[in-house]
Amino acid sequence: MSKEEHEAYGDIVIEDTGFGFKVIPESMVGQGCSCDSGCGGCCE
């Protein structure tokens, strides 16, 4: 992660989903997301 990316997104969490990995900003952990929210990854 570059310095600019860290400034924009902060720390990240890499989560094992059982089917791969999900990389999300730490500030979004536990918020959930919808398919059109732009957070990436698969919708659960």
PDB file of N, CA and C in Angstrom:
ATOM      1  N   MET A   1       0.849  -1.163   0.000  1.00  0.00           N
ATOM      2  CA  MET A   1       0.000   0.000   0.000  1.00  0.00           C
ATOM      3  C   MET A   1       0.899   1.232   0.000  1.00  0.00           C
ATOM      4  N   SER A   2       0.597   2.149  -0.876  1.00  0.00           N
ATOM      5  CA  SER A   2       1.387   3.381  -0.947  1.00  0.00           C
ATOM      6  C   SER A   2       0.956   4.347   0.160  1.00  0.00           C
ATOM      7  N   LYS A   3       1.773   5.333   0.413  1.00  0.00           N
ATOM      8  CA  LYS A   3       1.453   6.350   1.414  1.00  0.00           C
ATOM      9  C   LYS A   3       0.150   7.068   1.059  1.00  0.00           C
ATOM     10  N   GLU A   4      -0.034   7.369  -0.228  1.00  0.00           N
ATOM     11  CA  GLU A   4      -1.251   8.056  -0.673  1.00  0.00           C
ATOM     12  C   GLU A   4      -2.490   7.199  -0.438  1.00  0.00           C
ATOM     13  N   GLU A   5      -2.382   5.904  -0.725  1.00  0.00           N
ATOM     14  CA  GLU A   5      -3.519   4.997  -0.498  1.00  0.00           C
ATOM     15  C   GLU A   5      -3.842   4.894   0.992  1.00  0.00           C
ATOM     16  N   HIS A   6      -2.802   4.826   1.818  1.00  0.00           N
ATOM     17  CA  HIS A   6      -3.032   4.735   3.264  1.00  0.00           C
ATOM     18  C   HIS A   6      -3.708   5.997   3.777  1.00  0.00           C
ATOM     19  N   GLU A   7      -3.297   7.154   3.265  1.00  0.00           N
ATOM     20  CA  GLU A   7      -3.930   8.406   3.667  1.00  0.00           C
ATOM     21  C   GLU A   7      -5.402   8.446   3.243  1.00  0.00           C
ATOM     22  N   ALA A   8      -5.711   7.870   2.071  1.00  0.00           N
ATOM     23  CA  ALA A   8      -7.080   7.880   1.563  1.00  0.00           C
ATOM     24  C   ALA A   8      -7.969   6.847   2.263  1.00  0.00           C
ATOM     25  N   TYR A   9      -7.431   5.653   2.543  1.00  0.00           N
ATOM     26  CA  TYR A   9      -8.254   4.545   3.052  1.00  0.00           C
ATOM     27  C   TYR A   9      -7.966   4.153   4.482  1.00  0.00           C
ATOM     28  N   GLY A  10      -6.808   4.509   5.035  1.00  0.00           N
ATOM     29  CA  GLY A  10      -6.428   4.090   6.381  1.00  0.00           C
ATOM     30  C   GLY A  10      -5.956   2.648   6.391  1.00  0.00           C
ATOM     31  N   ASP A  11      -5.923   2.066   7.581  1.00  0.00           N
ATOM     32  CA  ASP A  11      -5.510   0.672   7.713  1.00  0.00           C
ATOM     33  C   ASP A  11      -6.541  -0.225   7.049  1.00  0.00           C
ATOM     34  N   ILE A  12      -6.092  -1.412   6.619  1.00  0.00           N
ATOM     35  CA  ILE A  12      -6.995  -2.360   5.976  1.00  0.00           C
ATOM     36  C   ILE A  12      -7.055  -3.657   6.762  1.00  0.00           C
ATOM     37  N   VAL A  13      -8.112  -4.405   6.535  1.00  0.00           N
ATOM     38  CA  VAL A  13      -8.299  -5.725   7.129  1.00  0.00           C
ATOM     39  C   VAL A  13      -8.419  -6.715   5.985  1.00  0.00           C
ATOM     40  N   ILE A  14      -7.665  -7.814   6.076  1.00  0.00           N
ATOM     41  CA  ILE A  14      -7.771  -8.889   5.089  1.00  0.00           C
ATOM     42  C   ILE A  14      -8.518 -10.027   5.766  1.00  0.00           C
ATOM     43  N   GLU A  15      -9.696 -10.339   5.236  1.00  0.00           N
ATOM     44  CA  GLU A  15     -10.587 -11.319   5.848  1.00  0.00           C
ATOM     45  C   GLU A  15     -10.697 -12.550   4.949  1.00  0.00           C
ATOM     46  N   ASP A  16     -10.497 -13.741   5.536  1.00  0.00           N
ATOM     47  CA  ASP A  16     -10.664 -14.998   4.806  1.00  0.00           C
ATOM     48  C   ASP A  16     -12.144 -15.334   4.789  1.00  0.00           C
ATOM     49  N   THR A  17     -12.741 -15.371   3.606  1.00  0.00           N
ATOM     50  CA  THR A  17     -14.178 -15.636   3.488  1.00  0.00           C
ATOM     51  C   THR A  17     -14.491 -17.120   3.330  1.00  0.00           C
ATOM     52  N   GLY A  18     -13.460 -17.938   3.199  1.00  0.00           N
ATOM     53  CA  GLY A  18     -13.678 -19.354   2.943  1.00  0.00           C
ATOM     54  C   GLY A  18     -13.656 -19.667   1.455  1.00  0.00           C
ATOM     55  N   PHE A  19     -13.828 -18.636   0.634  1.00  0.00           N
ATOM     56  CA  PHE A  19     -13.803 -18.778  -0.823  1.00  0.00           C
ATOM     57  C   PHE A  19     -12.726 -17.900  -1.439  1.00  0.00           C
ATOM     58  N   GLY A  20     -12.000 -17.181  -0.609  1.00  0.00           N
ATOM     59  CA  GLY A  20     -10.980 -16.232  -1.045  1.00  0.00           C
ATOM     60  C   GLY A  20     -10.791 -15.212   0.054  1.00  0.00           C
ATOM     61  N   PHE A  21     -10.292 -14.070  -0.317  1.00  0.00           N
ATOM     62  CA  PHE A  21     -10.029 -13.032   0.670  1.00  0.00           C
ATOM     63  C   PHE A  21     -10.762 -11.748   0.318  1.00  0.00           C
ATOM     64  N   LYS A  22     -11.194 -11.033   1.355  1.00  0.00           N
ATOM     65  CA  LYS A  22     -11.843  -9.752   1.179  1.00  0.00           C
ATOM     66  C   LYS A  22     -10.938  -8.718   1.851  1.00  0.00           C
ATOM     67  N   VAL A  23     -10.604  -7.656   1.121  1.00  0.00           N
ATOM     68  CA  VAL A  23      -9.759  -6.590   1.634  1.00  0.00           C
ATOM     69  C   VAL A  23     -10.631  -5.348   1.782  1.00  0.00           C
ATOM     70  N   ILE A  24     -10.783  -4.877   3.024  1.00  0.00           N
ATOM     71  CA  ILE A  24     -11.646  -3.726   3.277  1.00  0.00           C
ATOM     72  C   ILE A  24     -10.952  -2.744   4.212  1.00  0.00           C
ATOM     73  N   PRO A  25     -11.256  -1.459   4.078  1.00  0.00           N
ATOM     74  CA  PRO A  25     -10.722  -0.475   5.028  1.00  0.00           C
ATOM     75  C   PRO A  25     -11.209  -0.803   6.440  1.00  0.00           C
ATOM     76  N   GLU A  26     -10.313  -0.666   7.429  1.00  0.00           N
ATOM     77  CA  GLU A  26     -10.657  -0.983   8.810  1.00  0.00           C
ATOM     78  C   GLU A  26     -11.876  -0.201   9.287  1.00  0.00           C
ATOM     79  N   SER A  27     -12.056   1.004   8.790  1.00  0.00           N
ATOM     80  CA  SER A  27     -13.183   1.835   9.210  1.00  0.00           C
ATOM     81  C   SER A  27     -14.527   1.282   8.731  1.00  0.00           C
ATOM     82  N   MET A  28     -14.522   0.349   7.768  1.00  0.00           N
ATOM     83  CA  MET A  28     -15.766  -0.224   7.246  1.00  0.00           C
ATOM     84  C   MET A  28     -16.059  -1.612   7.806  1.00  0.00           C
ATOM     85  N   VAL A  29     -15.183  -2.158   8.652  1.00  0.00           N
ATOM     86  CA  VAL A  29     -15.388  -3.496   9.199  1.00  0.00           C
ATOM     87  C   VAL A  29     -16.675  -3.522  10.008  1.00  0.00           C
ATOM     88  N   GLY A  30     -17.515  -4.503   9.734  1.00  0.00           N
ATOM     89  CA  GLY A  30     -18.763  -4.666  10.466  1.00  0.00           C
ATOM     90  C   GLY A  30     -19.918  -3.828   9.961  1.00  0.00           C
ATOM     91  N   GLN A  31     -19.700  -3.009   8.944  1.00  0.00           N
ATOM     92  CA  GLN A  31     -20.776  -2.179   8.418  1.00  0.00           C
ATOM     93  C   GLN A  31     -21.618  -2.899   7.392  1.00  0.00           C
ATOM     94  N   GLY A  32     -21.099  -3.977   6.807  1.00  0.00           N
ATOM     95  CA  GLY A  32     -21.818  -4.662   5.746  1.00  0.00           C
ATOM     96  C   GLY A  32     -21.817  -3.810   4.493  1.00  0.00           C
ATOM     97  N   CYS A  33     -22.354  -4.342   3.416  1.00  0.00           N
ATOM     98  CA  CYS A  33     -22.420  -3.555   2.189  1.00  0.00           C
ATOM     99  C   CYS A  33     -23.459  -4.149   1.260  1.00  0.00           C
ATOM    100  N   SER A  34     -23.863  -3.352   0.317  1.00  0.00           N
ATOM    101  CA  SER A  34     -24.752  -3.845  -0.726  1.00  0.00           C
ATOM    102  C   SER A  34     -23.960  -3.932  -2.014  1.00  0.00           C
ATOM    103  N   CYS A  35     -24.503  -4.600  -2.991  1.00  0.00           N
ATOM    104  CA  CYS A  35     -23.773  -4.809  -4.250  1.00  0.00           C
ATOM    105  C   CYS A  35     -23.446  -3.505  -4.961  1.00  0.00           C
ATOM    106  N   ASP A  36     -24.206  -2.455  -4.714  1.00  0.00           N
ATOM    107  CA  ASP A  36     -23.947  -1.211  -5.421  1.00  0.00           C
ATOM    108  C   ASP A  36     -23.285  -0.141  -4.545  1.00  0.00           C
ATOM    109  N   SER A  37     -22.772  -0.538  -3.383  1.00  0.00           N
ATOM    110  CA  SER A  37     -22.193   0.450  -2.477  1.00  0.00           C
ATOM    111  C   SER A  37     -20.754   0.809  -2.812  1.00  0.00           C
ATOM    112  N   GLY A  38     -20.115   0.010  -3.674  1.00  0.00           N
ATOM    113  CA  GLY A  38     -18.748   0.318  -4.068  1.00  0.00           C
ATOM    114  C   GLY A  38     -17.688  -0.196  -3.121  1.00  0.00           C
ATOM    115  N   CYS A  39     -18.076  -1.034  -2.152  1.00  0.00           N
ATOM    116  CA  CYS A  39     -17.071  -1.519  -1.219  1.00  0.00           C
ATOM    117  C   CYS A  39     -16.323  -2.729  -1.773  1.00  0.00           C
ATOM    118  N   GLY A  40     -16.790  -3.304  -2.864  1.00  0.00           N
ATOM    119  CA  GLY A  40     -16.108  -4.438  -3.487  1.00  0.00           C
ATOM    120  C   GLY A  40     -16.446  -5.755  -2.819  1.00  0.00           C
ATOM    121  N   GLY A  41     -15.951  -6.830  -3.375  1.00  0.00           N
ATOM    122  CA  GLY A  41     -16.184  -8.153  -2.801  1.00  0.00           C
ATOM    123  C   GLY A  41     -17.559  -8.682  -3.167  1.00  0.00           C
ATOM    124  N   CYS A  42     -17.862  -9.847  -2.642  1.00  0.00           N
ATOM    125  CA  CYS A  42     -19.148 -10.492  -2.911  1.00  0.00           C
ATOM    126  C   CYS A  42     -20.184 -10.030  -1.911  1.00  0.00           C
ATOM    127  N   CYS A  43     -21.396  -9.938  -2.344  1.00  0.00           N
ATOM    128  CA  CYS A  43     -22.491  -9.637  -1.422  1.00  0.00           C
ATOM    129  C   CYS A  43     -22.880 -10.917  -0.720  1.00  0.00           C
ATOM    130  N   GLU A  44     -23.131 -10.814   0.564  1.00  0.00           N
ATOM    131  CA  GLU A  44     -23.489 -12.005   1.345  1.00  0.00           C
ATOM    132  C   GLU A  44     -24.965 -12.051   1.562  1.00  0.00           C
TER     133      GLU A  44
END
